């Protein structure tokens, strides 16, 4: 239980309900289809126990899946971080630079906004993402951006495996005639029979998974570059003199994550 809680940090048990939404359902379905088909195809096309490169290929597939799911679930369950209800800065002079939220009955920290779907003021809110059914903000921004980077890379690897599997399995099964092309799906390519036979249904499943992988690579890859570009535009480097409320983040961090007091060293 300690290992699970160390991998995925839940704010509370109610956060599990975020999975019951069309966004996470579609995202996890795409991850499951592409990952499972790539692993099965690697068994057919590149048996991991025959060569060292086959073992490396298989380990990389498992690694992509673990890293993608790790960053995805952390982006969903860690959350962006919320401004405490009825929060106000310790120095009353700082309130003149801040906006007041009537719903949360408190002041908004710099670059924070109120999310209508989450019904809370979100710390350094970027946007509310339906794919994680949560906001992207201060605490989960790194997880979300890493997920956007790893998902296309993993899909490119999976798409390569899908293409090579279909090519290798159809290479010895296609015969060209003068006026026709014949495909014998019953002709085995290897001396030993693979664990998973390659048939017309397997070919259709590979073609479907290839479309998902290529579509995810294009869509999520574009989101990654958009996310990086928006981050550079919204977060320019500023000196504390130009932004007099930047110190409020230290105050919020201390309140949300208080540090234990240091005990003086007692000499014998």
C-alpha atoms as a PDB file:
ATOM      1  CA  UNK A   1       0.000   0.000   0.000  1.00  0.00           C
ATOM      2  CA  UNK A   2       2.885   2.345   0.715  1.00  0.00           C
ATOM      3  CA  UNK A   3       4.282   1.706  -2.778  1.00  0.00           C
ATOM      4  CA  UNK A   4       0.961   2.551  -4.427  1.00  0.00           C
ATOM      5  CA  UNK A   5       0.530   5.728  -2.399  1.00  0.00           C
ATOM      6  CA  UNK A   6       4.100   6.742  -3.259  1.00  0.00           C
ATOM      7  CA  UNK A   7       3.451   6.341  -6.986  1.00  0.00           C
ATOM      8  CA  UNK A   8       0.058   8.052  -7.103  1.00  0.00           C
ATOM      9  CA  UNK A   9      -0.798  10.725  -4.557  1.00  0.00           C
ATOM     10  CA  UNK A  10      -4.543  10.950  -3.837  1.00  0.00           C
ATOM     11  CA  UNK A  11      -5.909  14.070  -2.242  1.00  0.00           C
ATOM     12  CA  UNK A  12      -8.857  12.025  -0.989  1.00  0.00           C
ATOM     13  CA  UNK A  13     -10.903   9.015  -2.029  1.00  0.00           C
ATOM     14  CA  UNK A  14     -13.391  11.226  -3.865  1.00  0.00           C
ATOM     15  CA  UNK A  15     -10.725  11.940  -6.495  1.00  0.00           C
ATOM     16  CA  UNK A  16     -11.277   8.432  -7.894  1.00  0.00           C
ATOM     17  CA  UNK A  17     -14.563   9.678  -9.325  1.00  0.00           C
ATOM     18  CA  UNK A  18     -12.586  11.673 -11.863  1.00  0.00           C
ATOM     19  CA  UNK A  19     -12.165   8.425 -13.797  1.00  0.00           C
ATOM     20  CA  UNK A  20     -15.933   8.312 -14.428  1.00  0.00           C
ATOM     21  CA  UNK A  21     -15.805  10.822 -17.268  1.00  0.00           C
ATOM     22  CA  UNK A  22     -15.640  10.516 -21.053  1.00  0.00           C
ATOM     23  CA  UNK A  23     -12.191  12.128 -21.204  1.00  0.00           C
ATOM     24  CA  UNK A  24     -10.250   9.666 -18.980  1.00  0.00           C
ATOM     25  CA  UNK A  25     -12.255   6.737 -20.396  1.00  0.00           C
ATOM     26  CA  UNK A  26     -11.234   7.584 -23.973  1.00  0.00           C
ATOM     27  CA  UNK A  27      -7.635   8.404 -23.027  1.00  0.00           C
ATOM     28  CA  UNK A  28      -7.120   5.203 -21.028  1.00  0.00           C
ATOM     29  CA  UNK A  29      -8.801   3.151 -23.763  1.00  0.00           C
ATOM     30  CA  UNK A  30      -6.387   4.506 -26.381  1.00  0.00           C
ATOM     31  CA  UNK A  31      -3.424   3.828 -24.081  1.00  0.00           C
ATOM     32  CA  UNK A  32      -4.658   0.300 -23.355  1.00  0.00           C
ATOM     33  CA  UNK A  33      -5.303  -0.570 -27.028  1.00  0.00           C
ATOM     34  CA  UNK A  34      -1.995   0.791 -28.337  1.00  0.00           C
ATOM     35  CA  UNK A  35       0.071  -0.678 -25.494  1.00  0.00           C
ATOM     36  CA  UNK A  36      -1.538  -4.136 -25.508  1.00  0.00           C
ATOM     37  CA  UNK A  37      -1.424  -4.450 -29.300  1.00  0.00           C
ATOM     38  CA  UNK A  38       2.214  -3.321 -29.402  1.00  0.00           C
ATOM     39  CA  UNK A  39       3.185  -5.863 -26.739  1.00  0.00           C
ATOM     40  CA  UNK A  40       1.313  -8.663 -28.519  1.00  0.00           C
ATOM     41  CA  UNK A  41       2.813  -7.707 -31.875  1.00  0.00           C
ATOM     42  CA  UNK A  42       6.291  -7.671 -30.419  1.00  0.00           C
ATOM     43  CA  UNK A  43       5.711 -11.305 -29.440  1.00  0.00           C
ATOM     44  CA  UNK A  44       4.667 -12.144 -33.017  1.00  0.00           C
ATOM     45  CA  UNK A  45       7.189 -10.046 -34.936  1.00  0.00           C
ATOM     46  CA  UNK A  46      10.185  -9.703 -32.602  1.00  0.00           C
ATOM     47  CA  UNK A  47      10.208 -12.440 -29.954  1.00  0.00           C
ATOM     48  CA  UNK A  48      11.960 -10.825 -26.964  1.00  0.00           C
ATOM     49  CA  UNK A  49      13.775 -13.994 -25.859  1.00  0.00           C
ATOM     50  CA  UNK A  50      15.509 -14.674 -29.182  1.00  0.00           C
ATOM     51  CA  UNK A  51      17.817 -11.656 -29.402  1.00  0.00           C
ATOM     52  CA  UNK A  52      19.107  -8.851 -27.222  1.00  0.00           C
ATOM     53  CA  UNK A  53      17.508  -6.224 -29.456  1.00  0.00           C
ATOM     54  CA  UNK A  54      14.165  -8.009 -29.103  1.00  0.00           C
ATOM     55  CA  UNK A  55      14.475  -7.864 -25.322  1.00  0.00           C
ATOM     56  CA  UNK A  56      15.371  -4.158 -25.455  1.00  0.00           C
ATOM     57  CA  UNK A  57      12.379  -3.503 -27.708  1.00  0.00           C
ATOM     58  CA  UNK A  58      10.055  -5.306 -25.291  1.00  0.00           C
ATOM     59  CA  UNK A  59      11.461  -3.511 -22.240  1.00  0.00           C
ATOM     60  CA  UNK A  60      11.077  -0.142 -23.979  1.00  0.00           C
ATOM     61  CA  UNK A  61       7.403  -0.882 -24.641  1.00  0.00           C
ATOM     62  CA  UNK A  62       6.803  -1.649 -20.979  1.00  0.00           C
ATOM     63  CA  UNK A  63       8.783   1.454 -20.031  1.00  0.00           C
ATOM     64  CA  UNK A  64       6.676   3.724 -22.288  1.00  0.00           C
ATOM     65  CA  UNK A  65       3.453   2.356 -20.812  1.00  0.00           C
ATOM     66  CA  UNK A  66       4.584   2.748 -17.189  1.00  0.00           C
ATOM     67  CA  UNK A  67       5.903   6.295 -17.667  1.00  0.00           C
ATOM     68  CA  UNK A  68       2.828   7.443 -19.610  1.00  0.00           C
ATOM     69  CA  UNK A  69       0.420   6.069 -17.009  1.00  0.00           C
ATOM     70  CA  UNK A  70       2.535   7.412 -14.131  1.00  0.00           C
ATOM     71  CA  UNK A  71       2.458  10.990 -15.436  1.00  0.00           C
ATOM     72  CA  UNK A  72      -1.168  10.727 -16.553  1.00  0.00           C
ATOM     73  CA  UNK A  73      -2.497   9.560 -13.173  1.00  0.00           C
ATOM     74  CA  UNK A  74      -0.354  12.070 -11.301  1.00  0.00           C
ATOM     75  CA  UNK A  75      -1.626  14.884 -13.500  1.00  0.00           C
ATOM     76  CA  UNK A  76      -5.168  13.736 -12.723  1.00  0.00           C
ATOM     77  CA  UNK A  77      -5.001  12.889  -9.018  1.00  0.00           C
ATOM     78  CA  UNK A  78      -2.308  15.251  -7.704  1.00  0.00           C
ATOM     79  CA  UNK A  79      -4.313  18.120  -9.136  1.00  0.00           C
ATOM     80  CA  UNK A  80      -3.286  21.695  -9.813  1.00  0.00           C
ATOM     81  CA  UNK A  81      -3.452  22.890  -6.206  1.00  0.00           C
ATOM     82  CA  UNK A  82      -6.221  25.112  -4.906  1.00  0.00           C
ATOM     83  CA  UNK A  83      -6.175  28.420  -3.102  1.00  0.00           C
ATOM     84  CA  UNK A  84      -7.440  27.864   0.468  1.00  0.00           C
ATOM     85  CA  UNK A  85     -10.985  29.032   1.038  1.00  0.00           C
ATOM     86  CA  UNK A  86     -11.263  32.539   2.509  1.00  0.00           C
ATOM     87  CA  UNK A  87      -7.540  33.088   1.954  1.00  0.00           C
ATOM     88  CA  UNK A  88      -6.042  36.530   2.322  1.00  0.00           C
ATOM     89  CA  UNK A  89      -2.409  37.630   2.433  1.00  0.00           C
ATOM     90  CA  UNK A  90      -0.768  38.368   5.749  1.00  0.00           C
ATOM     91  CA  UNK A  91       0.145  41.856   4.616  1.00  0.00           C
ATOM     92  CA  UNK A  92      -3.090  43.766   3.971  1.00  0.00           C
ATOM     93  CA  UNK A  93      -1.305  46.072   1.524  1.00  0.00           C
ATOM     94  CA  UNK A  94      -0.974  43.165  -0.917  1.00  0.00           C
ATOM     95  CA  UNK A  95      -4.762  42.959  -1.318  1.00  0.00           C
ATOM     96  CA  UNK A  96      -4.731  46.057  -3.522  1.00  0.00           C
ATOM     97  CA  UNK A  97      -2.945  44.009  -6.202  1.00  0.00           C
ATOM     98  CA  UNK A  98      -5.222  40.966  -5.935  1.00  0.00           C
ATOM     99  CA  UNK A  99      -8.707  40.092  -7.144  1.00  0.00           C
ATOM    100  CA  UNK A 100     -11.391  38.889  -4.752  1.00  0.00           C
ATOM    101  CA  UNK A 101     -13.351  35.702  -5.494  1.00  0.00           C
ATOM    102  CA  UNK A 102     -16.937  35.857  -4.263  1.00  0.00           C
ATOM    103  CA  UNK A 103     -17.448  32.093  -4.614  1.00  0.00           C
ATOM    104  CA  UNK A 104     -14.405  31.073  -2.559  1.00  0.00           C
ATOM    105  CA  UNK A 105     -14.745  34.211  -0.395  1.00  0.00           C
ATOM    106  CA  UNK A 106     -11.016  34.867  -0.596  1.00  0.00           C
ATOM    107  CA  UNK A 107      -8.358  36.577  -2.636  1.00  0.00           C
ATOM    108  CA  UNK A 108      -6.794  35.076  -5.759  1.00  0.00           C
ATOM    109  CA  UNK A 109      -3.051  34.611  -5.824  1.00  0.00           C
ATOM    110  CA  UNK A 110      -1.134  35.919  -8.867  1.00  0.00           C
ATOM    111  CA  UNK A 111      -1.962  34.034 -12.098  1.00  0.00           C
ATOM    112  CA  UNK A 112      -4.738  32.133 -10.323  1.00  0.00           C
ATOM    113  CA  UNK A 113      -8.275  31.849 -11.654  1.00  0.00           C
ATOM    114  CA  UNK A 114     -11.569  30.404 -10.517  1.00  0.00           C
ATOM    115  CA  UNK A 115     -12.582  27.223 -12.360  1.00  0.00           C
ATOM    116  CA  UNK A 116     -16.331  26.822 -12.735  1.00  0.00           C
ATOM    117  CA  UNK A 117     -16.091  23.047 -13.186  1.00  0.00           C
ATOM    118  CA  UNK A 118     -13.837  22.496 -10.165  1.00  0.00           C
ATOM    119  CA  UNK A 119     -15.645  25.288  -8.260  1.00  0.00           C
ATOM    120  CA  UNK A 120     -12.348  26.404  -6.698  1.00  0.00           C
ATOM    121  CA  UNK A 121      -9.664  28.995  -7.320  1.00  0.00           C
ATOM    122  CA  UNK A 122      -6.815  27.135  -9.021  1.00  0.00           C
ATOM    123  CA  UNK A 123      -3.169  27.996  -8.395  1.00  0.00           C
ATOM    124  CA  UNK A 124      -1.485  29.222 -11.615  1.00  0.00           C
ATOM    125  CA  UNK A 125      -4.365  27.852 -13.641  1.00  0.00           C
ATOM    126  CA  UNK A 126      -3.541  26.991 -17.250  1.00  0.00           C
ATOM    127  CA  UNK A 127      -6.792  25.370 -18.387  1.00  0.00           C
ATOM    128  CA  UNK A 128      -9.328  22.720 -17.441  1.00  0.00           C
ATOM    129  CA  UNK A 129      -8.395  19.606 -19.405  1.00  0.00           C
ATOM    130  CA  UNK A 130     -11.244  17.145 -20.132  1.00  0.00           C
ATOM    131  CA  UNK A 131      -8.771  14.320 -20.838  1.00  0.00           C
ATOM    132  CA  UNK A 132      -7.635  14.263 -17.203  1.00  0.00           C
ATOM    133  CA  UNK A 133     -10.957  15.648 -15.924  1.00  0.00           C
ATOM    134  CA  UNK A 134      -9.044  18.171 -13.857  1.00  0.00           C
ATOM    135  CA  UNK A 135      -7.346  21.520 -14.133  1.00  0.00           C
ATOM    136  CA  UNK A 136      -3.745  21.925 -15.221  1.00  0.00           C
ATOM    137  CA  UNK A 137      -1.990  24.237 -12.811  1.00  0.00           C
ATOM    138  CA  UNK A 138       0.807  24.752 -10.322  1.00  0.00           C
ATOM    139  CA  UNK A 139       1.266  21.251  -8.869  1.00  0.00           C
ATOM    140  CA  UNK A 140       0.509  19.017 -11.869  1.00  0.00           C
ATOM    141  CA  UNK A 141       1.800  21.138 -14.747  1.00  0.00           C
ATOM    142  CA  UNK A 142       5.081  19.207 -14.985  1.00  0.00           C
ATOM    143  CA  UNK A 143       3.263  15.838 -14.961  1.00  0.00           C
ATOM    144  CA  UNK A 144       0.842  17.016 -17.652  1.00  0.00           C
ATOM    145  CA  UNK A 145       3.569  18.385 -19.928  1.00  0.00           C
ATOM    146  CA  UNK A 146       5.650  15.215 -19.514  1.00  0.00           C
ATOM    147  CA  UNK A 147       2.607  13.130 -20.419  1.00  0.00           C
ATOM    148  CA  UNK A 148       2.112  15.207 -23.580  1.00  0.00           C
ATOM    149  CA  UNK A 149       5.749  14.528 -24.504  1.00  0.00           C
ATOM    150  CA  UNK A 150       5.848  10.793 -23.736  1.00  0.00           C
ATOM    151  CA  UNK A 151       2.523   9.844 -25.331  1.00  0.00           C
ATOM    152  CA  UNK A 152       3.565  10.726 -28.927  1.00  0.00           C
ATOM    153  CA  UNK A 153       6.987   9.084 -28.464  1.00  0.00           C
ATOM    154  CA  UNK A 154       5.390   5.873 -27.225  1.00  0.00           C
ATOM    155  CA  UNK A 155       2.836   5.940 -30.054  1.00  0.00           C
ATOM    156  CA  UNK A 156       5.606   6.367 -32.650  1.00  0.00           C
ATOM    157  CA  UNK A 157       7.337   3.275 -31.273  1.00  0.00           C
ATOM    158  CA  UNK A 158       4.049   1.365 -31.271  1.00  0.00           C
ATOM    159  CA  UNK A 159       3.215   2.482 -34.837  1.00  0.00           C
ATOM    160  CA  UNK A 160       6.606   1.222 -36.039  1.00  0.00           C
ATOM    161  CA  UNK A 161       5.894  -2.170 -34.470  1.00  0.00           C
ATOM    162  CA  UNK A 162       2.422  -2.307 -36.055  1.00  0.00           C
ATOM    163  CA  UNK A 163       3.836  -1.557 -39.521  1.00  0.00           C
ATOM    164  CA  UNK A 164       6.685  -4.074 -39.207  1.00  0.00           C
ATOM    165  CA  UNK A 165       4.341  -6.755 -37.886  1.00  0.00           C
ATOM    166  CA  UNK A 166       1.906  -6.389 -40.776  1.00  0.00           C
ATOM    167  CA  UNK A 167       4.742  -6.280 -43.291  1.00  0.00           C
ATOM    168  CA  UNK A 168       6.557  -9.316 -41.889  1.00  0.00           C
ATOM    169  CA  UNK A 169       3.395 -11.380 -41.615  1.00  0.00           C
ATOM    170  CA  UNK A 170       2.137 -10.506 -45.104  1.00  0.00           C
ATOM    171  CA  UNK A 171       5.515 -10.737 -46.840  1.00  0.00           C
ATOM    172  CA  UNK A 172       5.308 -14.514 -47.419  1.00  0.00           C
ATOM    173  CA  UNK A 173       1.552 -14.626 -47.829  1.00  0.00           C
ATOM    174  CA  UNK A 174       1.049 -12.329 -50.831  1.00  0.00           C
ATOM    175  CA  UNK A 175       1.348 -13.705 -54.363  1.00  0.00           C
ATOM    176  CA  UNK A 176       0.971 -11.515 -57.446  1.00  0.00           C
ATOM    177  CA  UNK A 177      -0.635 -12.825 -60.623  1.00  0.00           C
ATOM    178  CA  UNK A 178      -1.193 -11.305 -64.032  1.00  0.00           C
ATOM    179  CA  UNK A 179      -4.599  -9.944 -63.088  1.00  0.00           C
ATOM    180  CA  UNK A 180      -5.026 -10.651 -59.358  1.00  0.00           C
ATOM    181  CA  UNK A 181      -3.350 -10.515 -55.987  1.00  0.00           C
ATOM    182  CA  UNK A 182      -3.820 -13.404 -53.576  1.00  0.00           C
ATOM    183  CA  UNK A 183      -3.239 -13.375 -49.826  1.00  0.00           C
ATOM    184  CA  UNK A 184      -2.955 -16.723 -48.070  1.00  0.00           C
ATOM    185  CA  UNK A 185      -3.519 -15.989 -44.379  1.00  0.00           C
ATOM    186  CA  UNK A 186      -3.039 -19.664 -43.455  1.00  0.00           C
ATOM    187  CA  UNK A 187       0.589 -19.760 -44.620  1.00  0.00           C
ATOM    188  CA  UNK A 188       2.891 -19.669 -41.580  1.00  0.00           C
ATOM    189  CA  UNK A 189       5.876 -17.383 -41.807  1.00  0.00           C
ATOM    190  CA  UNK A 190       7.984 -19.149 -39.193  1.00  0.00           C
ATOM    191  CA  UNK A 191       8.901 -22.725 -38.541  1.00  0.00           C
ATOM    192  CA  UNK A 192       7.472 -22.553 -35.023  1.00  0.00           C
ATOM    193  CA  UNK A 193       3.930 -21.329 -34.629  1.00  0.00           C
ATOM    194  CA  UNK A 194       3.590 -17.968 -32.879  1.00  0.00           C
ATOM    195  CA  UNK A 195       1.700 -17.743 -29.632  1.00  0.00           C
ATOM    196  CA  UNK A 196      -0.871 -15.463 -31.276  1.00  0.00           C
ATOM    197  CA  UNK A 197      -1.846 -16.502 -34.825  1.00  0.00           C
ATOM    198  CA  UNK A 198      -1.930 -13.765 -37.432  1.00  0.00           C
ATOM    199  CA  UNK A 199      -5.298 -13.785 -39.206  1.00  0.00           C
ATOM    200  CA  UNK A 200      -7.589 -11.342 -40.972  1.00  0.00           C
ATOM    201  CA  UNK A 201      -9.013 -10.198 -37.644  1.00  0.00           C
ATOM    202  CA  UNK A 202      -5.483  -9.675 -36.300  1.00  0.00           C
ATOM    203  CA  UNK A 203      -4.622  -7.644 -39.406  1.00  0.00           C
ATOM    204  CA  UNK A 204      -7.744  -5.481 -38.901  1.00  0.00           C
ATOM    205  CA  UNK A 205      -6.874  -5.002 -35.223  1.00  0.00           C
ATOM    206  CA  UNK A 206      -3.337  -3.934 -36.161  1.00  0.00           C
ATOM    207  CA  UNK A 207      -4.679  -1.507 -38.745  1.00  0.00           C
ATOM    208  CA  UNK A 208      -7.073  -0.009 -36.183  1.00  0.00           C
ATOM    209  CA  UNK A 209      -4.323   0.301 -33.562  1.00  0.00           C
ATOM    210  CA  UNK A 210      -2.042   1.907 -36.160  1.00  0.00           C
ATOM    211  CA  UNK A 211      -4.691   4.553 -36.863  1.00  0.00           C
ATOM    212  CA  UNK A 212      -5.060   5.261 -33.135  1.00  0.00           C
ATOM    213  CA  UNK A 213      -1.291   5.538 -32.685  1.00  0.00           C
ATOM    214  CA  UNK A 214      -0.816   7.898 -35.628  1.00  0.00           C
ATOM    215  CA  UNK A 215      -3.825  10.021 -34.647  1.00  0.00           C
ATOM    216  CA  UNK A 216      -2.615  10.266 -31.051  1.00  0.00           C
ATOM    217  CA  UNK A 217       0.892  11.198 -32.207  1.00  0.00           C
ATOM    218  CA  UNK A 218      -0.405  14.081 -34.308  1.00  0.00           C
ATOM    219  CA  UNK A 219      -3.044  15.346 -31.855  1.00  0.00           C
ATOM    220  CA  UNK A 220      -1.071  15.053 -28.606  1.00  0.00           C
ATOM    221  CA  UNK A 221       2.126  16.237 -30.299  1.00  0.00           C
ATOM    222  CA  UNK A 222       0.374  19.421 -31.401  1.00  0.00           C
ATOM    223  CA  UNK A 223      -0.959  19.894 -27.862  1.00  0.00           C
ATOM    224  CA  UNK A 224       2.574  19.562 -26.494  1.00  0.00           C
ATOM    225  CA  UNK A 225       3.969  22.303 -28.738  1.00  0.00           C
ATOM    226  CA  UNK A 226       0.955  24.520 -27.997  1.00  0.00           C
ATOM    227  CA  UNK A 227       1.421  23.933 -24.262  1.00  0.00           C
ATOM    228  CA  UNK A 228       5.115  24.816 -24.403  1.00  0.00           C
ATOM    229  CA  UNK A 229       4.395  27.933 -26.460  1.00  0.00           C
ATOM    230  CA  UNK A 230       1.655  29.123 -24.112  1.00  0.00           C
ATOM    231  CA  UNK A 231       3.921  28.549 -21.115  1.00  0.00           C
ATOM    232  CA  UNK A 232       6.644  30.730 -22.634  1.00  0.00           C
ATOM    233  CA  UNK A 233       4.147  33.515 -23.398  1.00  0.00           C
ATOM    234  CA  UNK A 234       2.362  33.472 -20.037  1.00  0.00           C
ATOM    235  CA  UNK A 235       5.407  33.077 -17.803  1.00  0.00           C
ATOM    236  CA  UNK A 236       8.041  35.601 -18.912  1.00  0.00           C
ATOM    237  CA  UNK A 237      10.995  36.191 -16.634  1.00  0.00           C
ATOM    238  CA  UNK A 238      10.237  39.058 -14.295  1.00  0.00           C
ATOM    239  CA  UNK A 239      12.139  40.589 -11.436  1.00  0.00           C
ATOM    240  CA  UNK A 240      10.501  40.871  -7.987  1.00  0.00           C
ATOM    241  CA  UNK A 241      10.488  44.657  -8.367  1.00  0.00           C
ATOM    242  CA  UNK A 242       8.228  44.461 -11.422  1.00  0.00           C
ATOM    243  CA  UNK A 243       5.845  42.002  -9.724  1.00  0.00           C
ATOM    244  CA  UNK A 244       5.276  43.048  -6.108  1.00  0.00           C
ATOM    245  CA  UNK A 245       2.972  40.077  -5.369  1.00  0.00           C
ATOM    246  CA  UNK A 246       5.366  37.307  -6.382  1.00  0.00           C
ATOM    247  CA  UNK A 247       6.373  36.755  -2.752  1.00  0.00           C
ATOM    248  CA  UNK A 248       2.830  35.588  -1.995  1.00  0.00           C
ATOM    249  CA  UNK A 249       3.665  32.215  -3.499  1.00  0.00           C
ATOM    250  CA  UNK A 250       6.156  31.591  -0.711  1.00  0.00           C
ATOM    251  CA  UNK A 251       3.428  32.423   1.768  1.00  0.00           C
ATOM    252  CA  UNK A 252       1.000  30.004   0.109  1.00  0.00           C
ATOM    253  CA  UNK A 253       3.595  27.238  -0.117  1.00  0.00           C
ATOM    254  CA  UNK A 254       4.335  27.620   3.569  1.00  0.00           C
ATOM    255  CA  UNK A 255       0.625  27.359   4.411  1.00  0.00           C
ATOM    256  CA  UNK A 256      -0.116  24.393   2.143  1.00  0.00           C
ATOM    257  CA  UNK A 257       3.134  22.529   2.912  1.00  0.00           C
ATOM    258  CA  UNK A 258       4.348  23.708   6.311  1.00  0.00           C
ATOM    259  CA  UNK A 259       7.877  22.744   7.222  1.00  0.00           C
ATOM    260  CA  UNK A 260       8.497  21.102  10.602  1.00  0.00           C
ATOM    261  CA  UNK A 261      10.267  23.318  13.115  1.00  0.00           C
ATOM    262  CA  UNK A 262      13.964  22.808  13.509  1.00  0.00           C
ATOM    263  CA  UNK A 263      15.021  21.553  16.891  1.00  0.00           C
ATOM    264  CA  UNK A 264      18.279  22.923  18.297  1.00  0.00           C
ATOM    265  CA  UNK A 265      21.114  20.455  18.576  1.00  0.00           C
ATOM    266  CA  UNK A 266      21.539  19.267  22.136  1.00  0.00           C
ATOM    267  CA  UNK A 267      25.146  18.518  22.921  1.00  0.00           C
ATOM    268  CA  UNK A 268      25.977  15.870  25.477  1.00  0.00           C
END
